[in-house]
C-alpha atoms as a PDB file:
ATOM      1  CA  MET A   1     116.180  33.132 -11.802  1.00  0.00           C
ATOM      2  CA  SER A   2     116.893  29.405 -11.574  1.00  0.00           C
ATOM      3  CA  ARG A   3     120.322  27.970 -10.834  1.00  0.00           C
ATOM      4  CA  VAL A   4     120.450  26.475 -14.341  1.00  0.00           C
ATOM      5  CA  SER A   5     119.730  29.888 -15.886  1.00  0.00           C
ATOM      6  CA  ARG A   6     122.418  31.552 -13.759  1.00  0.00           C
ATOM      7  CA  THR A   7     124.902  28.819 -14.657  1.00  0.00           C
ATOM      8  CA  SER A   8     124.082  29.152 -18.375  1.00  0.00           C
ATOM      9  CA  GLU A   9     124.349  32.929 -18.194  1.00  0.00           C
ATOM     10  CA  HIS A  10     127.653  32.634 -16.307  1.00  0.00           C
ATOM     11  CA  GLY A  11     129.038  30.269 -18.947  1.00  0.00           C
ATOM     12  CA  ALA A  12     127.842  32.525 -21.770  1.00  0.00           C
ATOM     13  CA  THR A  13     129.523  35.541 -20.169  1.00  0.00           C
ATOM     14  CA  ILE A  14     132.792  33.634 -19.854  1.00  0.00           C
ATOM     15  CA  ALA A  15     132.534  32.424 -23.459  1.00  0.00           C
ATOM     16  CA  CYS A  16     131.931  35.972 -24.687  1.00  0.00           C
ATOM     17  CA  LEU A  17     134.829  37.416 -22.674  1.00  0.00           C
ATOM     18  CA  TRP A  18     137.056  34.554 -23.800  1.00  0.00           C
ATOM     19  CA  GLN A  19     136.307  35.266 -27.472  1.00  0.00           C
ATOM     20  CA  GLU A  20     136.926  38.988 -26.937  1.00  0.00           C
ATOM     21  CA  HIS A  21     140.244  38.129 -25.303  1.00  0.00           C
ATOM     22  CA  LEU A  22     141.252  35.828 -28.159  1.00  0.00           C
ATOM     23  CA  ASP A  23     140.447  38.581 -30.654  1.00  0.00           C
ATOM     24  CA  ALA A  24     142.313  41.329 -28.780  1.00  0.00           C
ATOM     25  CA  PRO A  25     145.983  42.018 -29.450  1.00  0.00           C
ATOM     26  CA  PHE A  26     148.275  42.010 -26.429  1.00  0.00           C
ATOM     27  CA  PRO A  27     149.274  45.609 -25.589  1.00  0.00           C
ATOM     28  CA  ALA A  28     152.570  45.949 -27.469  1.00  0.00           C
ATOM     29  CA  ARG A  29     154.069  48.457 -25.043  1.00  0.00           C
ATOM     30  CA  LEU A  30     153.778  45.939 -22.213  1.00  0.00           C
ATOM     31  CA  ARG A  31     155.634  43.040 -23.837  1.00  0.00           C
ATOM     32  CA  GLY A  32     158.431  42.222 -21.441  1.00  0.00           C
ATOM     33  CA  ALA A  33     157.093  44.578 -18.759  1.00  0.00           C
ATOM     34  CA  GLU A  34     157.183  43.434 -15.147  1.00  0.00           C
ATOM     35  CA  PRO A  35     155.386  45.983 -12.968  1.00  0.00           C
ATOM     36  CA  GLY A  36     155.839  45.075  -9.328  1.00  0.00           C
ATOM     37  CA  GLY A  37     157.831  42.027 -10.424  1.00  0.00           C
ATOM     38  CA  ILE A  38     154.828  40.511 -12.264  1.00  0.00           C
ATOM     39  CA  ASP A  39     155.654  39.146 -15.717  1.00  0.00           C
ATOM     40  CA  ILE A  40     152.619  40.404 -17.621  1.00  0.00           C
ATOM     41  CA  VAL A  41     153.052  38.116 -20.639  1.00  0.00           C
ATOM     42  CA  LEU A  42     153.275  35.084 -18.353  1.00  0.00           C
ATOM     43  CA  LEU A  43     150.259  36.288 -16.358  1.00  0.00           C
ATOM     44  CA  ASP A  44     148.230  36.642 -19.558  1.00  0.00           C
ATOM     45  CA  ALA A  45     149.303  33.194 -20.766  1.00  0.00           C
ATOM     46  CA  THR A  46     148.503  31.604 -17.401  1.00  0.00           C
ATOM     47  CA  VAL A  47     144.968  32.975 -17.358  1.00  0.00           C
ATOM     48  CA  ALA A  48     144.503  31.965 -20.997  1.00  0.00           C
ATOM     49  CA  GLY A  49     145.687  28.418 -20.299  1.00  0.00           C
ATOM     50  CA  CYS A  50     143.357  27.982 -17.344  1.00  0.00           C
ATOM     51  CA  VAL A  51     140.345  29.449 -19.134  1.00  0.00           C
ATOM     52  CA  SER A  52     141.068  27.367 -22.221  1.00  0.00           C
ATOM     53  CA  ALA A  53     141.186  24.217 -20.082  1.00  0.00           C
ATOM     54  CA  ARG A  54     137.890  25.209 -18.445  1.00  0.00           C
ATOM     55  CA  GLN A  55     136.210  25.773 -21.791  1.00  0.00           C
ATOM     56  CA  ASN A  56     137.524  22.471 -23.169  1.00  0.00           C
ATOM     57  CA  LYS A  57     136.149  20.594 -20.142  1.00  0.00           C
ATOM     58  CA  GLY A  58     132.597  21.866 -20.500  1.00  0.00           C
ATOM     59  CA  GLY A  59     132.910  24.566 -17.860  1.00  0.00           C
ATOM     60  CA  CYS A  60     134.634  22.486 -15.194  1.00  0.00           C
ATOM     61  CA  LEU A  61     137.794  23.700 -13.541  1.00  0.00           C
ATOM     62  CA  ASP A  62     140.084  21.553 -11.431  1.00  0.00           C
ATOM     63  CA  ALA A  63     141.082  22.761  -7.962  1.00  0.00           C
ATOM     64  CA  GLU A  64     144.660  23.647  -8.950  1.00  0.00           C
ATOM     65  CA  ARG A  65     143.642  25.806 -11.906  1.00  0.00           C
ATOM     66  CA  ASN A  66     140.968  27.414  -9.748  1.00  0.00           C
ATOM     67  CA  ARG A  67     143.676  28.367  -7.210  1.00  0.00           C
ATOM     68  CA  ILE A  68     145.969  29.604  -9.984  1.00  0.00           C
ATOM     69  CA  LEU A  69     143.226  31.841 -11.376  1.00  0.00           C
ATOM     70  CA  ARG A  70     142.521  33.318  -7.948  1.00  0.00           C
ATOM     71  CA  ASP A  71     146.242  34.139  -7.642  1.00  0.00           C
ATOM     72  CA  CYS A  72     146.130  35.692 -11.119  1.00  0.00           C
ATOM     73  CA  VAL A  73     143.224  37.925 -10.069  1.00  0.00           C
ATOM     74  CA  ALA A  74     145.381  39.287  -7.229  1.00  0.00           C
ATOM     75  CA  ASP A  75     148.273  39.882  -9.643  1.00  0.00           C
ATOM     76  CA  LEU A  76     145.943  41.571 -12.128  1.00  0.00           C
ATOM     77  CA  ASP A  77     144.753  43.907  -9.360  1.00  0.00           C
ATOM     78  CA  GLN A  78     148.386  45.013  -8.956  1.00  0.00           C
ATOM     79  CA  VAL A  79     148.865  45.406 -12.711  1.00  0.00           C
ATOM     80  CA  LEU A  80     145.689  47.472 -12.997  1.00  0.00           C
ATOM     81  CA  ALA A  81     146.778  49.744 -10.158  1.00  0.00           C
ATOM     82  CA  SER A  82     149.800  50.815 -12.218  1.00  0.00           C
ATOM     83  CA  THR A  83     148.121  50.932 -15.646  1.00  0.00           C
ATOM     84  CA  THR A  84     146.917  54.255 -17.041  1.00  0.00           C
ATOM     85  CA  GLU A  85     146.569  53.852 -20.828  1.00  0.00           C
ATOM     86  CA  ALA A  86     142.942  53.261 -21.893  1.00  0.00           C
ATOM     87  CA  GLU A  87     143.526  50.295 -24.237  1.00  0.00           C
ATOM     88  CA  GLU A  88     145.757  48.570 -21.673  1.00  0.00           C
ATOM     89  CA  LEU A  89     143.183  49.148 -18.948  1.00  0.00           C
ATOM     90  CA  ARG A  90     140.459  47.664 -21.133  1.00  0.00           C
ATOM     91  CA  TYR A  91     142.620  44.617 -21.910  1.00  0.00           C
ATOM     92  CA  PHE A  92     143.563  43.880 -18.299  1.00  0.00           C
ATOM     93  CA  ARG A  93     140.145  44.653 -16.861  1.00  0.00           C
ATOM     94  CA  ARG A  94     138.665  42.109 -19.261  1.00  0.00           C
ATOM     95  CA  LEU A  95     141.384  39.588 -18.386  1.00  0.00           C
ATOM     96  CA  ARG A  96     140.759  40.132 -14.668  1.00  0.00           C
ATOM     97  CA  ARG A  97     137.001  39.706 -15.070  1.00  0.00           C
ATOM     98  CA  LEU A  98     137.555  36.566 -17.122  1.00  0.00           C
ATOM     99  CA  ALA A  99     139.894  35.092 -14.487  1.00  0.00           C
ATOM    100  CA  ALA A 100     137.532  35.986 -11.644  1.00  0.00           C
ATOM    101  CA  LEU A 101     134.458  34.543 -13.351  1.00  0.00           C
ATOM    102  CA  ALA A 102     136.262  31.378 -14.449  1.00  0.00           C
ATOM    103  CA  SER A 103     137.639  30.777 -10.963  1.00  0.00           C
ATOM    104  CA  ASP A 104     134.147  31.052  -9.489  1.00  0.00           C
ATOM    105  CA  SER A 105     132.310  28.868 -11.967  1.00  0.00           C
ATOM    106  CA  GLY A 106     129.945  25.979 -11.650  1.00  0.00           C
ATOM    107  CA  PRO A 107     131.012  22.430 -10.861  1.00  0.00           C
ATOM    108  CA  ARG A 108     134.642  21.690 -10.197  1.00  0.00           C
ATOM    109  CA  SER A 109     136.516  18.812 -11.740  1.00  0.00           C
ATOM    110  CA  THR A 110     138.798  16.782  -9.510  1.00  0.00           C
ATOM    111  CA  ASN A 111     141.086  15.730 -12.394  1.00  0.00           C
END
C-alpha cells in the first residue's frame, strides 16, 4: 500500500471516529467524575478541541496539540482502567483511539 493510500485511509478513519464521537452523548453518569484526579469532561473537551483543530487544518496538527493528545491518551488509559459499564467503555475507547490516531497523523504544522 502506498504512503498516500495509508495517509488517506488514516484520515478517513479519524474522520469517521470524529463523526461518531460528535454523534455520541457524553455518558451522563460521568459528568463531574474525576477518577484518579482526572476531570473526564475536561479530558473529553481537550481531545475534541485538538481533533477539531486537526480536521480544520486539513489533517495537520501543531506540535503542542500533538503533545497534548499524547498526554490525553495516557489519561484515557487510566480512565479506561476504572471503567466497567459497556456504553462508557465504548465511548472512552473510541475517544482514546481518536486521540491516538490524531496524535500520530501525517504532516505536522508548526503554527
